[in-house]
Amino acid sequence: MTNRRNKVFSLFKGATLTAVLATTLSFSTVTQANDVQRLVNSLCEAAKADDRTGMRKKLKSAKIRLKKIYSGVQCGDQGSLLRAATNAGALNAATFIATKIGKDNLAMAESDGKNIVQFAQGLVAAGDASKQAFVDLYNSKM
């Protein structure tokens, strides 16, 4: 009888451990998703504030390369990280981003079908001459 009780206890113990692990893993996934969203929000805010150093520190502490995540980073209705920096007139942040993301990401078209150079050229054509520096920057990196 004692041997049977030990088997039942062992099964119960294993089931409990499995339930605890499943709960922990699902909580961990939610936590990671929250961490990623916090990182994206921080990067967007730093880009708008022209905080190149802040972006670098956040990426370094997260141990993430901007090139690996750039295509998934959206700053609300402004679009990509570069578009957010361009709209805010944040040339230092835009230089940092353009240097780190590579030519493929610079040439990538966004939801409106325009890449970052075409987007910045559109702003200049609409009368915002201050965005010419961004056009020149993006052309030099492509």
C-alpha atoms as a PDB file:
ATOM      1  CA  MET A   1       0.000   0.000   0.000  1.00  0.00           C
ATOM      2  CA  THR A   2       2.829   2.389   0.837  1.00  0.00           C
ATOM      3  CA  ASN A   3       4.448   1.752  -2.543  1.00  0.00           C
ATOM      4  CA  ARG A   4       1.165   2.570  -4.310  1.00  0.00           C
ATOM      5  CA  ARG A   5       0.749   5.749  -2.255  1.00  0.00           C
ATOM      6  CA  ASN A   6       4.267   6.859  -3.275  1.00  0.00           C
ATOM      7  CA  LYS A   7       3.396   6.319  -6.964  1.00  0.00           C
ATOM      8  CA  VAL A   8       0.205   8.362  -6.649  1.00  0.00           C
ATOM      9  CA  PHE A   9       2.077  11.102  -4.804  1.00  0.00           C
ATOM     10  CA  SER A  10       4.804  11.018  -7.440  1.00  0.00           C
ATOM     11  CA  LEU A  11       2.226  11.373 -10.250  1.00  0.00           C
ATOM     12  CA  PHE A  12       0.497  14.220  -8.412  1.00  0.00           C
ATOM     13  CA  LYS A  13       3.814  15.918  -7.803  1.00  0.00           C
ATOM     14  CA  GLY A  14       4.713  15.593 -11.499  1.00  0.00           C
ATOM     15  CA  ALA A  15       1.339  16.984 -12.594  1.00  0.00           C
ATOM     16  CA  THR A  16       1.719  19.916 -10.227  1.00  0.00           C
ATOM     17  CA  LEU A  17       5.216  20.630 -11.508  1.00  0.00           C
ATOM     18  CA  THR A  18       3.943  20.520 -15.096  1.00  0.00           C
ATOM     19  CA  ALA A  19       1.152  22.956 -14.249  1.00  0.00           C
ATOM     20  CA  VAL A  20       3.568  25.301 -12.493  1.00  0.00           C
ATOM     21  CA  LEU A  21       5.989  25.174 -15.442  1.00  0.00           C
ATOM     22  CA  ALA A  22       3.206  25.829 -17.953  1.00  0.00           C
ATOM     23  CA  THR A  23       2.006  28.803 -15.932  1.00  0.00           C
ATOM     24  CA  THR A  24       5.532  30.122 -15.563  1.00  0.00           C
ATOM     25  CA  LEU A  25       6.245  29.758 -19.277  1.00  0.00           C
ATOM     26  CA  SER A  26       3.045  31.524 -20.303  1.00  0.00           C
ATOM     27  CA  PHE A  27       3.742  34.296 -17.789  1.00  0.00           C
ATOM     28  CA  SER A  28       7.302  34.505 -19.103  1.00  0.00           C
ATOM     29  CA  THR A  29       6.011  34.891 -22.680  1.00  0.00           C
ATOM     30  CA  VAL A  30       3.670  37.695 -21.623  1.00  0.00           C
ATOM     31  CA  THR A  31       6.487  39.340 -19.704  1.00  0.00           C
ATOM     32  CA  GLN A  32       8.793  39.113 -22.719  1.00  0.00           C
ATOM     33  CA  ALA A  33       6.109  40.613 -24.960  1.00  0.00           C
ATOM     34  CA  ASN A  34       5.687  43.487 -22.497  1.00  0.00           C
ATOM     35  CA  ASP A  35       9.466  43.986 -22.407  1.00  0.00           C
ATOM     36  CA  VAL A  36       9.619  44.097 -26.206  1.00  0.00           C
ATOM     37  CA  GLN A  37       6.760  46.612 -26.372  1.00  0.00           C
ATOM     38  CA  ARG A  38       8.474  48.745 -23.735  1.00  0.00           C
ATOM     39  CA  LEU A  39      11.712  48.643 -25.750  1.00  0.00           C
ATOM     40  CA  VAL A  40       9.891  49.640 -28.955  1.00  0.00           C
ATOM     41  CA  ASN A  41       8.151  52.530 -27.187  1.00  0.00           C
ATOM     42  CA  SER A  42      11.462  53.675 -25.686  1.00  0.00           C
ATOM     43  CA  LEU A  43      13.210  53.549 -29.054  1.00  0.00           C
ATOM     44  CA  CYS A  44      10.423  55.546 -30.687  1.00  0.00           C
ATOM     45  CA  GLU A  45      10.505  58.195 -27.966  1.00  0.00           C
ATOM     46  CA  ALA A  46      14.291  58.410 -28.133  1.00  0.00           C
ATOM     47  CA  ALA A  47      14.166  58.771 -31.925  1.00  0.00           C
ATOM     48  CA  LYS A  48      11.646  61.608 -31.683  1.00  0.00           C
ATOM     49  CA  ALA A  49      13.722  63.308 -28.969  1.00  0.00           C
ATOM     50  CA  ASP A  50      16.931  62.989 -31.035  1.00  0.00           C
ATOM     51  CA  ASP A  51      18.441  60.946 -28.201  1.00  0.00           C
ATOM     52  CA  ARG A  52      21.085  58.884 -29.969  1.00  0.00           C
ATOM     53  CA  THR A  53      22.781  57.905 -26.715  1.00  0.00           C
ATOM     54  CA  GLY A  54      19.515  56.749 -25.161  1.00  0.00           C
ATOM     55  CA  MET A  55      18.800  54.514 -28.150  1.00  0.00           C
ATOM     56  CA  ARG A  56      22.265  53.009 -27.973  1.00  0.00           C
ATOM     57  CA  LYS A  57      21.946  52.311 -24.227  1.00  0.00           C
ATOM     58  CA  LYS A  58      18.515  50.706 -24.563  1.00  0.00           C
ATOM     59  CA  LEU A  59      19.660  48.421 -27.371  1.00  0.00           C
ATOM     60  CA  LYS A  60      22.824  47.493 -25.511  1.00  0.00           C
ATOM     61  CA  SER A  61      21.026  46.681 -22.260  1.00  0.00           C
ATOM     62  CA  ALA A  62      18.497  44.555 -24.179  1.00  0.00           C
ATOM     63  CA  LYS A  63      21.374  42.888 -26.073  1.00  0.00           C
ATOM     64  CA  ILE A  64      19.576  43.444 -29.360  1.00  0.00           C
ATOM     65  CA  ARG A  65      20.909  44.698 -32.679  1.00  0.00           C
ATOM     66  CA  LEU A  66      18.710  47.300 -34.327  1.00  0.00           C
ATOM     67  CA  LYS A  67      19.207  45.692 -37.723  1.00  0.00           C
ATOM     68  CA  LYS A  68      17.517  42.490 -36.496  1.00  0.00           C
ATOM     69  CA  ILE A  69      14.354  44.172 -35.202  1.00  0.00           C
ATOM     70  CA  TYR A  70      14.039  47.302 -37.351  1.00  0.00           C
ATOM     71  CA  SER A  71      11.381  45.974 -39.722  1.00  0.00           C
ATOM     72  CA  GLY A  72       9.122  45.128 -36.773  1.00  0.00           C
ATOM     73  CA  VAL A  73       9.440  48.471 -34.998  1.00  0.00           C
ATOM     74  CA  GLN A  74       6.489  50.764 -35.670  1.00  0.00           C
ATOM     75  CA  CYS A  75       6.071  54.121 -33.960  1.00  0.00           C
ATOM     76  CA  GLY A  76       2.319  54.373 -34.018  1.00  0.00           C
ATOM     77  CA  ASP A  77       0.791  56.085 -37.016  1.00  0.00           C
ATOM     78  CA  GLN A  78       4.133  57.658 -37.965  1.00  0.00           C
ATOM     79  CA  GLY A  79       5.446  54.348 -39.272  1.00  0.00           C
ATOM     80  CA  SER A  80       9.040  53.220 -38.978  1.00  0.00           C
ATOM     81  CA  LEU A  81      11.650  54.447 -36.545  1.00  0.00           C
ATOM     82  CA  LEU A  82      13.321  56.461 -39.310  1.00  0.00           C
ATOM     83  CA  ARG A  83      10.060  58.113 -40.290  1.00  0.00           C
ATOM     84  CA  ALA A  84       9.449  59.090 -36.684  1.00  0.00           C
ATOM     85  CA  ALA A  85      12.938  60.607 -36.473  1.00  0.00           C
ATOM     86  CA  THR A  86      12.512  62.367 -39.820  1.00  0.00           C
ATOM     87  CA  ASN A  87       9.136  63.846 -38.868  1.00  0.00           C
ATOM     88  CA  ALA A  88      10.593  65.083 -35.570  1.00  0.00           C
ATOM     89  CA  GLY A  89      13.636  66.637 -37.270  1.00  0.00           C
ATOM     90  CA  ALA A  90      15.941  64.369 -35.256  1.00  0.00           C
ATOM     91  CA  LEU A  91      18.983  64.201 -37.525  1.00  0.00           C
ATOM     92  CA  ASN A  92      21.358  62.662 -34.944  1.00  0.00           C
ATOM     93  CA  ALA A  93      18.927  59.841 -34.187  1.00  0.00           C
ATOM     94  CA  ALA A  94      18.266  59.320 -37.906  1.00  0.00           C
ATOM     95  CA  THR A  95      22.012  59.096 -38.556  1.00  0.00           C
ATOM     96  CA  PHE A  96      22.400  56.487 -35.811  1.00  0.00           C
ATOM     97  CA  ILE A  97      19.449  54.438 -37.092  1.00  0.00           C
ATOM     98  CA  ALA A  98      20.478  54.637 -40.760  1.00  0.00           C
ATOM     99  CA  THR A  99      24.006  53.546 -39.874  1.00  0.00           C
ATOM    100  CA  LYS A 100      22.822  50.549 -37.857  1.00  0.00           C
ATOM    101  CA  ILE A 101      20.020  49.101 -40.018  1.00  0.00           C
ATOM    102  CA  GLY A 102      21.807  48.428 -43.300  1.00  0.00           C
ATOM    103  CA  LYS A 103      20.963  49.122 -46.929  1.00  0.00           C
ATOM    104  CA  ASP A 104      18.234  46.494 -47.212  1.00  0.00           C
ATOM    105  CA  ASN A 105      16.158  48.101 -44.472  1.00  0.00           C
ATOM    106  CA  LEU A 106      16.733  51.567 -45.929  1.00  0.00           C
ATOM    107  CA  ALA A 107      15.484  50.429 -49.322  1.00  0.00           C
ATOM    108  CA  MET A 108      12.485  48.577 -47.877  1.00  0.00           C
ATOM    109  CA  ALA A 109       9.122  50.045 -48.839  1.00  0.00           C
ATOM    110  CA  GLU A 110       6.629  50.677 -46.061  1.00  0.00           C
ATOM    111  CA  SER A 111       2.855  50.299 -46.116  1.00  0.00           C
ATOM    112  CA  ASP A 112       2.424  53.301 -48.436  1.00  0.00           C
ATOM    113  CA  GLY A 113       4.866  51.787 -50.950  1.00  0.00           C
ATOM    114  CA  LYS A 114       7.584  54.376 -50.320  1.00  0.00           C
ATOM    115  CA  ASN A 115      11.033  53.776 -48.887  1.00  0.00           C
ATOM    116  CA  ILE A 116      12.603  56.292 -46.508  1.00  0.00           C
ATOM    117  CA  VAL A 117      14.313  58.298 -49.283  1.00  0.00           C
ATOM    118  CA  GLN A 118      11.061  58.691 -51.217  1.00  0.00           C
ATOM    119  CA  PHE A 119       9.256  59.625 -48.002  1.00  0.00           C
ATOM    120  CA  ALA A 120      11.809  62.337 -47.136  1.00  0.00           C
ATOM    121  CA  GLN A 121      11.822  63.614 -50.735  1.00  0.00           C
ATOM    122  CA  GLY A 122       8.046  63.921 -50.505  1.00  0.00           C
ATOM    123  CA  LEU A 123       8.386  66.100 -47.420  1.00  0.00           C
ATOM    124  CA  VAL A 124      10.878  68.352 -49.230  1.00  0.00           C
ATOM    125  CA  ALA A 125       8.626  68.531 -52.301  1.00  0.00           C
ATOM    126  CA  ALA A 126       5.726  69.524 -50.024  1.00  0.00           C
ATOM    127  CA  GLY A 127       7.729  72.569 -48.938  1.00  0.00           C
ATOM    128  CA  ASP A 128       9.676  71.406 -45.873  1.00  0.00           C
ATOM    129  CA  ALA A 129      13.208  72.353 -46.925  1.00  0.00           C
ATOM    130  CA  SER A 130      14.567  71.334 -43.491  1.00  0.00           C
ATOM    131  CA  LYS A 131      14.122  67.695 -44.494  1.00  0.00           C
ATOM    132  CA  GLN A 132      16.717  67.967 -47.293  1.00  0.00           C
ATOM    133  CA  ALA A 133      19.433  66.987 -44.807  1.00  0.00           C
ATOM    134  CA  PHE A 134      17.555  63.718 -44.250  1.00  0.00           C
ATOM    135  CA  VAL A 135      17.324  63.056 -47.993  1.00  0.00           C
ATOM    136  CA  ASP A 136      21.067  63.602 -48.299  1.00  0.00           C
ATOM    137  CA  LEU A 137      21.755  61.340 -45.298  1.00  0.00           C
ATOM    138  CA  TYR A 138      19.608  58.475 -46.582  1.00  0.00           C
ATOM    139  CA  ASN A 139      21.024  58.723 -50.095  1.00  0.00           C
ATOM    140  CA  SER A 140      24.565  58.554 -48.689  1.00  0.00           C
ATOM    141  CA  LYS A 141      23.748  55.365 -46.747  1.00  0.00           C
ATOM    142  CA  MET A 142      22.141  53.530 -49.673  1.00  0.00           C
END
